[in-house]
Amino acid sequence: MKYKNAAGLYVGGISFTLASPLIVFIAMTFGTRAAISNPSTDLTVLFMGIGILGGLLGIVGIILLIGATYRALVKIDALQVMRPSSDRENWSADRR
């Protein structure tokens, strides 16, 4: 059995979308703790950068989910696609 590309995009999109809020929460928690305990450290900026990266990761996850949905529903014929009429199928290739 061959795995479809849409399945990989879906798993990646779900993983990124679920991991993003967790990364942002952890980064902001430790960034706030670092800012309160010692305001002169650069750890606050580092954790803020990690939080922004986590937010961007969530956006990428949503884009992957949209792409996976498109591939799953259209490319692998999960949706009913309109078939051409029988008249058009019976035409020869050289008829104009």
PDB file of N, CA and C in Angstrom:
ATOM      1  N   MET A   1       0.843  -1.170   0.000  1.00  0.00           N
ATOM      2  CA  MET A   1       0.000   0.000   0.000  1.00  0.00           C
ATOM      3  C   MET A   1       0.890   1.235   0.000  1.00  0.00           C
ATOM      4  N   LYS A   2       0.611   2.147  -0.907  1.00  0.00           N
ATOM      5  CA  LYS A   2       1.399   3.371  -1.013  1.00  0.00           C
ATOM      6  C   LYS A   2       0.671   4.502  -0.273  1.00  0.00           C
ATOM      7  N   TYR A   3       1.420   5.210   0.550  1.00  0.00           N
ATOM      8  CA  TYR A   3       0.836   6.338   1.274  1.00  0.00           C
ATOM      9  C   TYR A   3       0.664   7.517   0.334  1.00  0.00           C
ATOM     10  N   LYS A   4      -0.392   8.262   0.531  1.00  0.00           N
ATOM     11  CA  LYS A   4      -0.680   9.435  -0.282  1.00  0.00           C
ATOM     12  C   LYS A   4       0.012  10.654   0.321  1.00  0.00           C
ATOM     13  N   ASN A   5       0.360  11.609  -0.535  1.00  0.00           N
ATOM     14  CA  ASN A   5       1.008  12.830  -0.063  1.00  0.00           C
ATOM     15  C   ASN A   5       0.083  13.639   0.845  1.00  0.00           C
ATOM     16  N   ALA A   6      -1.212  13.556   0.618  1.00  0.00           N
ATOM     17  CA  ALA A   6      -2.160  14.303   1.438  1.00  0.00           C
ATOM     18  C   ALA A   6      -2.118  13.838   2.893  1.00  0.00           C
ATOM     19  N   ALA A   7      -1.844  12.559   3.114  1.00  0.00           N
ATOM     20  CA  ALA A   7      -1.784  12.062   4.486  1.00  0.00           C
ATOM     21  C   ALA A   7      -0.604  12.685   5.230  1.00  0.00           C
ATOM     22  N   GLY A   8       0.528  12.793   4.584  1.00  0.00           N
ATOM     23  CA  GLY A   8       1.693  13.420   5.207  1.00  0.00           C
ATOM     24  C   GLY A   8       1.463  14.892   5.487  1.00  0.00           C
ATOM     25  N   LEU A   9       0.836  15.588   4.543  1.00  0.00           N
ATOM     26  CA  LEU A   9       0.523  16.997   4.767  1.00  0.00           C
ATOM     27  C   LEU A   9      -0.457  17.159   5.923  1.00  0.00           C
ATOM     28  N   TYR A  10      -1.413  16.260   6.011  1.00  0.00           N
ATOM     29  CA  TYR A  10      -2.409  16.340   7.083  1.00  0.00           C
ATOM     30  C   TYR A  10      -1.768  16.117   8.449  1.00  0.00           C
ATOM     31  N   VAL A  11      -0.940  15.102   8.557  1.00  0.00           N
ATOM     32  CA  VAL A  11      -0.277  14.821   9.841  1.00  0.00           C
ATOM     33  C   VAL A  11       0.650  15.973  10.229  1.00  0.00           C
ATOM     34  N   GLY A  12       1.393  16.496   9.266  1.00  0.00           N
ATOM     35  CA  GLY A  12       2.257  17.637   9.542  1.00  0.00           C
ATOM     36  C   GLY A  12       1.468  18.864   9.955  1.00  0.00           C
ATOM     37  N   GLY A  13       0.357  19.124   9.270  1.00  0.00           N
ATOM     38  CA  GLY A  13      -0.480  20.280   9.603  1.00  0.00           C
ATOM     39  C   GLY A  13      -1.093  20.176  10.988  1.00  0.00           C
ATOM     40  N   ILE A  14      -1.585  18.986  11.334  1.00  0.00           N
ATOM     41  CA  ILE A  14      -2.146  18.785  12.673  1.00  0.00           C
ATOM     42  C   ILE A  14      -1.062  18.939  13.736  1.00  0.00           C
ATOM     43  N   SER A  15       0.112  18.370  13.474  1.00  0.00           N
ATOM     44  CA  SER A  15       1.208  18.459  14.451  1.00  0.00           C
ATOM     45  C   SER A  15       1.635  19.901  14.667  1.00  0.00           C
ATOM     46  N   PHE A  16       1.813  20.645  13.586  1.00  0.00           N
ATOM     47  CA  PHE A  16       2.225  22.043  13.715  1.00  0.00           C
ATOM     48  C   PHE A  16       1.145  22.878  14.389  1.00  0.00           C
ATOM     49  N   THR A  17      -0.098  22.630  14.037  1.00  0.00           N
ATOM     50  CA  THR A  17      -1.189  23.415  14.603  1.00  0.00           C
ATOM     51  C   THR A  17      -1.359  23.138  16.095  1.00  0.00           C
ATOM     52  N   LEU A  18      -1.174  21.903  16.512  1.00  0.00           N
ATOM     53  CA  LEU A  18      -1.295  21.586  17.934  1.00  0.00           C
ATOM     54  C   LEU A  18      -0.060  21.989  18.738  1.00  0.00           C
ATOM     55  N   ALA A  19       1.113  21.940  18.121  1.00  0.00           N
ATOM     56  CA  ALA A  19       2.345  22.293  18.824  1.00  0.00           C
ATOM     57  C   ALA A  19       2.511  23.806  18.974  1.00  0.00           C
ATOM     58  N   SER A  20       1.933  24.566  18.078  1.00  0.00           N
ATOM     59  CA  SER A  20       2.124  26.012  18.083  1.00  0.00           C
ATOM     60  C   SER A  20       1.665  26.682  19.380  1.00  0.00           C
ATOM     61  N   PRO A  21       0.440  26.467  19.847  1.00  0.00           N
ATOM     62  CA  PRO A  21       0.043  27.122  21.099  1.00  0.00           C
ATOM     63  C   PRO A  21       0.875  26.674  22.296  1.00  0.00           C
ATOM     64  N   LEU A  22       1.295  25.421  22.281  1.00  0.00           N
ATOM     65  CA  LEU A  22       2.130  24.918  23.369  1.00  0.00           C
ATOM     66  C   LEU A  22       3.482  25.633  23.387  1.00  0.00           C
ATOM     67  N   ILE A  23       4.094  25.798  22.221  1.00  0.00           N
ATOM     68  CA  ILE A  23       5.385  26.492  22.130  1.00  0.00           C
ATOM     69  C   ILE A  23       5.243  27.946  22.557  1.00  0.00           C
ATOM     70  N   VAL A  24       4.174  28.600  22.094  1.00  0.00           N
ATOM     71  CA  VAL A  24       3.960  30.005  22.464  1.00  0.00           C
ATOM     72  C   VAL A  24       3.734  30.134  23.965  1.00  0.00           C
ATOM     73  N   PHE A  25       2.942  29.247  24.548  1.00  0.00           N
ATOM     74  CA  PHE A  25       2.678  29.313  25.987  1.00  0.00           C
ATOM     75  C   PHE A  25       3.954  29.112  26.800  1.00  0.00           C
ATOM     76  N   ILE A  26       4.738  28.115  26.442  1.00  0.00           N
ATOM     77  CA  ILE A  26       5.984  27.856  27.173  1.00  0.00           C
ATOM     78  C   ILE A  26       6.955  29.023  27.023  1.00  0.00           C
ATOM     79  N   ALA A  27       7.083  29.541  25.802  1.00  0.00           N
ATOM     80  CA  ALA A  27       8.012  30.650  25.570  1.00  0.00           C
ATOM     81  C   ALA A  27       7.597  31.898  26.344  1.00  0.00           C
ATOM     82  N   MET A  28       6.312  32.213  26.336  1.00  0.00           N
ATOM     83  CA  MET A  28       5.865  33.406  27.045  1.00  0.00           C
ATOM     84  C   MET A  28       5.946  33.232  28.564  1.00  0.00           C
ATOM     85  N   THR A  29       5.707  32.026  29.044  1.00  0.00           N
ATOM     86  CA  THR A  29       5.819  31.777  30.488  1.00  0.00           C
ATOM     87  C   THR A  29       7.253  31.965  30.958  1.00  0.00           C
ATOM     88  N   PHE A  30       8.199  31.318  30.264  1.00  0.00           N
ATOM     89  CA  PHE A  30       9.597  31.449  30.670  1.00  0.00           C
ATOM     90  C   PHE A  30      10.149  32.836  30.369  1.00  0.00           C
ATOM     91  N   GLY A  31       9.667  33.482  29.320  1.00  0.00           N
ATOM     92  CA  GLY A  31      10.089  34.852  29.025  1.00  0.00           C
ATOM     93  C   GLY A  31       9.635  35.831  30.089  1.00  0.00           C
ATOM     94  N   THR A  32       8.409  35.660  30.555  1.00  0.00           N
ATOM     95  CA  THR A  32       7.902  36.518  31.628  1.00  0.00           C
ATOM     96  C   THR A  32       8.656  36.269  32.922  1.00  0.00           C
ATOM     97  N   ARG A  33       8.930  35.006  33.221  1.00  0.00           N
ATOM     98  CA  ARG A  33       9.699  34.676  34.421  1.00  0.00           C
ATOM     99  C   ARG A  33      11.105  35.272  34.350  1.00  0.00           C
ATOM    100  N   ALA A  34      11.727  35.212  33.160  1.00  0.00           N
ATOM    101  CA  ALA A  34      13.071  35.779  33.008  1.00  0.00           C
ATOM    102  C   ALA A  34      13.045  37.299  33.132  1.00  0.00           C
ATOM    103  N   ALA A  35      11.991  37.931  32.617  1.00  0.00           N
ATOM    104  CA  ALA A  35      11.890  39.396  32.703  1.00  0.00           C
ATOM    105  C   ALA A  35      11.643  39.858  34.128  1.00  0.00           C
ATOM    106  N   ILE A  36      10.889  39.098  34.883  1.00  0.00           N
ATOM    107  CA  ILE A  36      10.597  39.494  36.263  1.00  0.00           C
ATOM    108  C   ILE A  36      11.801  39.247  37.167  1.00  0.00           C
ATOM    109  N   SER A  37      12.469  38.113  37.003  1.00  0.00           N
ATOM    110  CA  SER A  37      13.574  37.778  37.907  1.00  0.00           C
ATOM    111  C   SER A  37      14.822  38.627  37.652  1.00  0.00           C
ATOM    112  N   ASN A  38      15.165  38.873  36.390  1.00  0.00           N
ATOM    113  CA  ASN A  38      16.353  39.663  36.063  1.00  0.00           C
ATOM    114  C   ASN A  38      16.099  40.397  34.745  1.00  0.00           C
ATOM    115  N   PRO A  39      15.655  41.662  34.831  1.00  0.00           N
ATOM    116  CA  PRO A  39      15.272  42.394  33.617  1.00  0.00           C
ATOM    117  C   PRO A  39      16.438  42.696  32.678  1.00  0.00           C
ATOM    118  N   SER A  40      17.644  42.564  33.127  1.00  0.00           N
ATOM    119  CA  SER A  40      18.777  42.934  32.270  1.00  0.00           C
ATOM    120  C   SER A  40      19.265  41.776  31.390  1.00  0.00           C
ATOM    121  N   THR A  41      18.672  40.609  31.478  1.00  0.00           N
ATOM    122  CA  THR A  41      19.140  39.473  30.687  1.00  0.00           C
ATOM    123  C   THR A  41      18.538  39.501  29.283  1.00  0.00           C
ATOM    124  N   ASP A  42      19.183  38.806  28.401  1.00  0.00           N
ATOM    125  CA  ASP A  42      18.696  38.703  27.028  1.00  0.00           C
ATOM    126  C   ASP A  42      17.767  37.512  26.835  1.00  0.00           C
ATOM    127  N   LEU A  43      17.478  36.780  27.906  1.00  0.00           N
ATOM    128  CA  LEU A  43      16.595  35.620  27.788  1.00  0.00           C
ATOM    129  C   LEU A  43      15.173  36.014  27.412  1.00  0.00           C
ATOM    130  N   THR A  44      14.743  37.197  27.845  1.00  0.00           N
ATOM    131  CA  THR A  44      13.397  37.649  27.519  1.00  0.00           C
ATOM    132  C   THR A  44      13.224  37.772  26.009  1.00  0.00           C
ATOM    133  N   VAL A  45      14.204  38.373  25.356  1.00  0.00           N
ATOM    134  CA  VAL A  45      14.145  38.536  23.896  1.00  0.00           C
ATOM    135  C   VAL A  45      14.212  37.180  23.202  1.00  0.00           C
ATOM    136  N   LEU A  46      15.010  36.292  23.724  1.00  0.00           N
ATOM    137  CA  LEU A  46      15.113  34.950  23.152  1.00  0.00           C
ATOM    138  C   LEU A  46      13.775  34.217  23.225  1.00  0.00           C
ATOM    139  N   PHE A  47      13.129  34.266  24.385  1.00  0.00           N
ATOM    140  CA  PHE A  47      11.847  33.588  24.525  1.00  0.00           C
ATOM    141  C   PHE A  47      10.747  34.268  23.707  1.00  0.00           C
ATOM    142  N   MET A  48      10.826  35.578  23.539  1.00  0.00           N
ATOM    143  CA  MET A  48       9.869  36.263  22.671  1.00  0.00           C
ATOM    144  C   MET A  48      10.052  35.818  21.216  1.00  0.00           C
ATOM    145  N   GLY A  49      11.287  35.652  20.797  1.00  0.00           N
ATOM    146  CA  GLY A  49      11.554  35.147  19.448  1.00  0.00           C
ATOM    147  C   GLY A  49      11.029  33.736  19.246  1.00  0.00           C
ATOM    148  N   ILE A  50      11.191  32.906  20.269  1.00  0.00           N
ATOM    149  CA  ILE A  50      10.662  31.543  20.191  1.00  0.00           C
ATOM    150  C   ILE A  50       9.134  31.579  20.130  1.00  0.00           C
ATOM    151  N   GLY A  51       8.514  32.487  20.850  1.00  0.00           N
ATOM    152  CA  GLY A  51       7.056  32.627  20.802  1.00  0.00           C
ATOM    153  C   GLY A  51       6.564  33.053  19.430  1.00  0.00           C
ATOM    154  N   ILE A  52       7.272  33.982  18.804  1.00  0.00           N
ATOM    155  CA  ILE A  52       6.913  34.421  17.444  1.00  0.00           C
ATOM    156  C   ILE A  52       7.091  33.268  16.465  1.00  0.00           C
ATOM    157  N   LEU A  53       8.172  32.520  16.614  1.00  0.00           N
ATOM    158  CA  LEU A  53       8.399  31.354  15.768  1.00  0.00           C
ATOM    159  C   LEU A  53       7.278  30.319  15.951  1.00  0.00           C
ATOM    160  N   GLY A  54       6.804  30.141  17.164  1.00  0.00           N
ATOM    161  CA  GLY A  54       5.682  29.235  17.412  1.00  0.00           C
ATOM    162  C   GLY A  54       4.406  29.704  16.731  1.00  0.00           C
ATOM    163  N   GLY A  55       4.164  31.004  16.723  1.00  0.00           N
ATOM    164  CA  GLY A  55       2.998  31.547  16.017  1.00  0.00           C
ATOM    165  C   GLY A  55       3.087  31.324  14.523  1.00  0.00           C
ATOM    166  N   LEU A  56       4.271  31.530  13.962  1.00  0.00           N
ATOM    167  CA  LEU A  56       4.466  31.273  12.531  1.00  0.00           C
ATOM    168  C   LEU A  56       4.302  29.792  12.209  1.00  0.00           C
ATOM    169  N   LEU A  57       4.716  28.946  13.134  1.00  0.00           N
ATOM    170  CA  LEU A  57       4.552  27.504  12.956  1.00  0.00           C
ATOM    171  C   LEU A  57       3.070  27.141  12.880  1.00  0.00           C
ATOM    172  N   GLY A  58       2.241  27.811  13.662  1.00  0.00           N
ATOM    173  CA  GLY A  58       0.795  27.580  13.591  1.00  0.00           C
ATOM    174  C   GLY A  58       0.209  27.987  12.256  1.00  0.00           C
ATOM    175  N   ILE A  59       0.692  29.102  11.698  1.00  0.00           N
ATOM    176  CA  ILE A  59       0.221  29.548  10.383  1.00  0.00           C
ATOM    177  C   ILE A  59       0.615  28.535   9.311  1.00  0.00           C
ATOM    178  N   VAL A  60       1.841  28.031   9.380  1.00  0.00           N
ATOM    179  CA  VAL A  60       2.287  27.012   8.431  1.00  0.00           C
ATOM    180  C   VAL A  60       1.441  25.749   8.575  1.00  0.00           C
ATOM    181  N   GLY A  61       1.091  25.388   9.801  1.00  0.00           N
ATOM    182  CA  GLY A  61       0.245  24.222  10.033  1.00  0.00           C
ATOM    183  C   GLY A  61      -1.129  24.369   9.402  1.00  0.00           C
ATOM    184  N   ILE A  62      -1.708  25.557   9.491  1.00  0.00           N
ATOM    185  CA  ILE A  62      -3.015  25.797   8.885  1.00  0.00           C
ATOM    186  C   ILE A  62      -2.918  25.712   7.364  1.00  0.00           C
ATOM    187  N   ILE A  63      -1.846  26.261   6.804  1.00  0.00           N
ATOM    188  CA  ILE A  63      -1.649  26.181   5.350  1.00  0.00           C
ATOM    189  C   ILE A  63      -1.486  24.723   4.917  1.00  0.00           C
ATOM    190  N   LEU A  64      -0.758  23.935   5.683  1.00  0.00           N
ATOM    191  CA  LEU A  64      -0.610  22.511   5.362  1.00  0.00           C
ATOM    192  C   LEU A  64      -1.944  21.777   5.436  1.00  0.00           C
ATOM    193  N   LEU A  65      -2.768  22.124   6.410  1.00  0.00           N
ATOM    194  CA  LEU A  65      -4.091  21.495   6.505  1.00  0.00           C
ATOM    195  C   LEU A  65      -4.968  21.842   5.308  1.00  0.00           C
ATOM    196  N   ILE A  66      -4.898  23.086   4.873  1.00  0.00           N
ATOM    197  CA  ILE A  66      -5.671  23.486   3.696  1.00  0.00           C
ATOM    198  C   ILE A  66      -5.179  22.730   2.458  1.00  0.00           C
ATOM    199  N   GLY A  67      -3.866  22.628   2.309  1.00  0.00           N
ATOM    200  CA  GLY A  67      -3.315  21.880   1.179  1.00  0.00           C
ATOM    201  C   GLY A  67      -3.667  20.409   1.228  1.00  0.00           C
ATOM    202  N   ALA A  68      -3.650  19.825   2.408  1.00  0.00           N
ATOM    203  CA  ALA A  68      -3.998  18.409   2.544  1.00  0.00           C
ATOM    204  C   ALA A  68      -5.471  18.177   2.232  1.00  0.00           C
ATOM    205  N   THR A  69      -6.311  19.084   2.671  1.00  0.00           N
ATOM    206  CA  THR A  69      -7.732  18.950   2.379  1.00  0.00           C
ATOM    207  C   THR A  69      -7.983  19.040   0.885  1.00  0.00           C
ATOM    208  N   TYR A  70      -7.323  19.974   0.227  1.00  0.00           N
ATOM    209  CA  TYR A  70      -7.475  20.109  -1.223  1.00  0.00           C
ATOM    210  C   TYR A  70      -7.033  18.844  -1.935  1.00  0.00           C
ATOM    211  N   ARG A  71      -5.857  18.341  -1.586  1.00  0.00           N
ATOM    212  CA  ARG A  71      -5.352  17.129  -2.248  1.00  0.00           C
ATOM    213  C   ARG A  71      -6.234  15.928  -1.977  1.00  0.00           C
ATOM    214  N   ALA A  72      -6.705  15.815  -0.734  1.00  0.00           N
ATOM    215  CA  ALA A  72      -7.525  14.660  -0.381  1.00  0.00           C
ATOM    216  C   ALA A  72      -8.875  14.688  -1.079  1.00  0.00           C
ATOM    217  N   LEU A  73      -9.460  15.857  -1.204  1.00  0.00           N
ATOM    218  CA  LEU A  73     -10.798  15.939  -1.768  1.00  0.00           C
ATOM    219  C   LEU A  73     -10.825  16.032  -3.292  1.00  0.00           C
ATOM    220  N   VAL A  74      -9.792  16.568  -3.887  1.00  0.00           N
ATOM    221  CA  VAL A  74      -9.802  16.754  -5.337  1.00  0.00           C
ATOM    222  C   VAL A  74      -8.845  15.814  -6.048  1.00  0.00           C
ATOM    223  N   LYS A  75      -7.615  15.775  -5.624  1.00  0.00           N
ATOM    224  CA  LYS A  75      -6.606  15.011  -6.348  1.00  0.00           C
ATOM    225  C   LYS A  75      -6.803  13.504  -6.272  1.00  0.00           C
ATOM    226  N   ILE A  76      -7.277  12.992  -5.145  1.00  0.00           N
ATOM    227  CA  ILE A  76      -7.459  11.541  -5.055  1.00  0.00           C
ATOM    228  C   ILE A  76      -8.928  11.160  -5.181  1.00  0.00           C
ATOM    229  N   ASP A  77      -9.704  12.026  -5.798  1.00  0.00           N
ATOM    230  CA  ASP A  77     -11.102  11.779  -6.138  1.00  0.00           C
ATOM    231  C   ASP A  77     -11.976  11.453  -4.935  1.00  0.00           C
ATOM    232  N   ALA A  78     -11.800  12.162  -3.857  1.00  0.00           N
ATOM    233  CA  ALA A  78     -12.687  11.999  -2.716  1.00  0.00           C
ATOM    234  C   ALA A  78     -14.006  12.740  -2.955  1.00  0.00           C
ATOM    235  N   LEU A  79     -13.941  13.768  -3.788  1.00  0.00           N
ATOM    236  CA  LEU A  79     -15.157  14.472  -4.189  1.00  0.00           C
ATOM    237  C   LEU A  79     -15.626  13.911  -5.519  1.00  0.00           C
ATOM    238  N   GLN A  80     -16.907  14.003  -5.768  1.00  0.00           N
ATOM    239  CA  GLN A  80     -17.397  13.605  -7.075  1.00  0.00           C
ATOM    240  C   GLN A  80     -17.044  14.689  -8.067  1.00  0.00           C
ATOM    241  N   VAL A  81     -16.374  14.289  -9.108  1.00  0.00           N
ATOM    242  CA  VAL A  81     -15.956  15.241 -10.131  1.00  0.00           C
ATOM    243  C   VAL A  81     -16.901  15.086 -11.305  1.00  0.00           C
ATOM    244  N   MET A  82     -17.281  16.210 -11.907  1.00  0.00           N
ATOM    245  CA  MET A  82     -18.182  16.163 -13.046  1.00  0.00           C
ATOM    246  C   MET A  82     -17.497  15.461 -14.217  1.00  0.00           C
ATOM    247  N   ARG A  83     -18.137  14.459 -14.753  1.00  0.00           N
ATOM    248  CA  ARG A  83     -17.582  13.724 -15.879  1.00  0.00           C
ATOM    249  C   ARG A  83     -18.028  14.362 -17.179  1.00  0.00           C
ATOM    250  N   PRO A  84     -17.201  14.293 -18.199  1.00  0.00           N
ATOM    251  CA  PRO A  84     -17.630  14.850 -19.486  1.00  0.00           C
ATOM    252  C   PRO A  84     -18.779  14.030 -20.073  1.00  0.00           C
ATOM    253  N   SER A  85     -19.562  14.666 -20.900  1.00  0.00           N
ATOM    254  CA  SER A  85     -20.699  13.969 -21.491  1.00  0.00           C
ATOM    255  C   SER A  85     -20.219  12.875 -22.436  1.00  0.00           C
ATOM    256  N   SER A  86     -21.092  11.931 -22.723  1.00  0.00           N
ATOM    257  CA  SER A  86     -20.718  10.814 -23.587  1.00  0.00           C
ATOM    258  C   SER A  86     -20.449  11.275 -25.012  1.00  0.00           C
ATOM    259  N   ASP A  87     -21.092  12.359 -25.467  1.00  0.00           N
ATOM    260  CA  ASP A  87     -20.833  12.877 -26.808  1.00  0.00           C
ATOM    261  C   ASP A  87     -19.389  13.332 -26.956  1.00  0.00           C
ATOM    262  N   ARG A  88     -18.877  13.969 -25.963  1.00  0.00           N
ATOM    263  CA  ARG A  88     -17.506  14.472 -26.042  1.00  0.00           C
ATOM    264  C   ARG A  88     -16.493  13.330 -25.956  1.00  0.00           C
ATOM    265  N   GLU A  89     -16.830  12.265 -25.231  1.00  0.00           N
ATOM    266  CA  GLU A  89     -15.909  11.143 -25.119  1.00  0.00           C
ATOM    267  C   GLU A  89     -15.785  10.368 -26.421  1.00  0.00           C
ATOM    268  N   ASN A  90     -16.833  10.361 -27.214  1.00  0.00           N
ATOM    269  CA  ASN A  90     -16.834   9.564 -28.432  1.00  0.00           C
ATOM    270  C   ASN A  90     -16.232  10.282 -29.638  1.00  0.00           C
ATOM    271  N   TRP A  91     -15.918  11.529 -29.507  1.00  0.00           N
ATOM    272  CA  TRP A  91     -15.322  12.258 -30.637  1.00  0.00           C
ATOM    273  C   TRP A  91     -13.918  11.728 -30.888  1.00  0.00           C
ATOM    274  N   SER A  92     -13.566  11.665 -32.131  1.00  0.00           N
ATOM    275  CA  SER A  92     -12.200  11.274 -32.451  1.00  0.00           C
ATOM    276  C   SER A  92     -11.264  12.447 -32.246  1.00  0.00           C
ATOM    277  N   ALA A  93      -9.996  12.154 -32.094  1.00  0.00           N
ATOM    278  CA  ALA A  93      -9.018  13.196 -31.786  1.00  0.00           C
ATOM    279  C   ALA A  93      -8.815  14.143 -32.957  1.00  0.00           C
ATOM    280  N   ASP A  94      -8.977  13.656 -34.181  1.00  0.00           N
ATOM    281  CA  ASP A  94      -8.675  14.504 -35.340  1.00  0.00           C
ATOM    282  C   ASP A  94      -9.912  15.238 -35.845  1.00  0.00           C
ATOM    283  N   ARG A  95     -11.062  15.045 -35.241  1.00  0.00           N
ATOM    284  CA  ARG A  95     -12.278  15.734 -35.667  1.00  0.00           C
ATOM    285  C   ARG A  95     -12.263  17.149 -35.101  1.00  0.00           C
ATOM    286  N   ARG A  96     -12.578  18.133 -35.949  1.00  0.00           N
ATOM    287  CA  ARG A  96     -12.564  19.529 -35.492  1.00  0.00           C
ATOM    288  C   ARG A  96     -13.887  20.178 -35.649  1.00  0.00           C
TER     289      ARG A  96
END
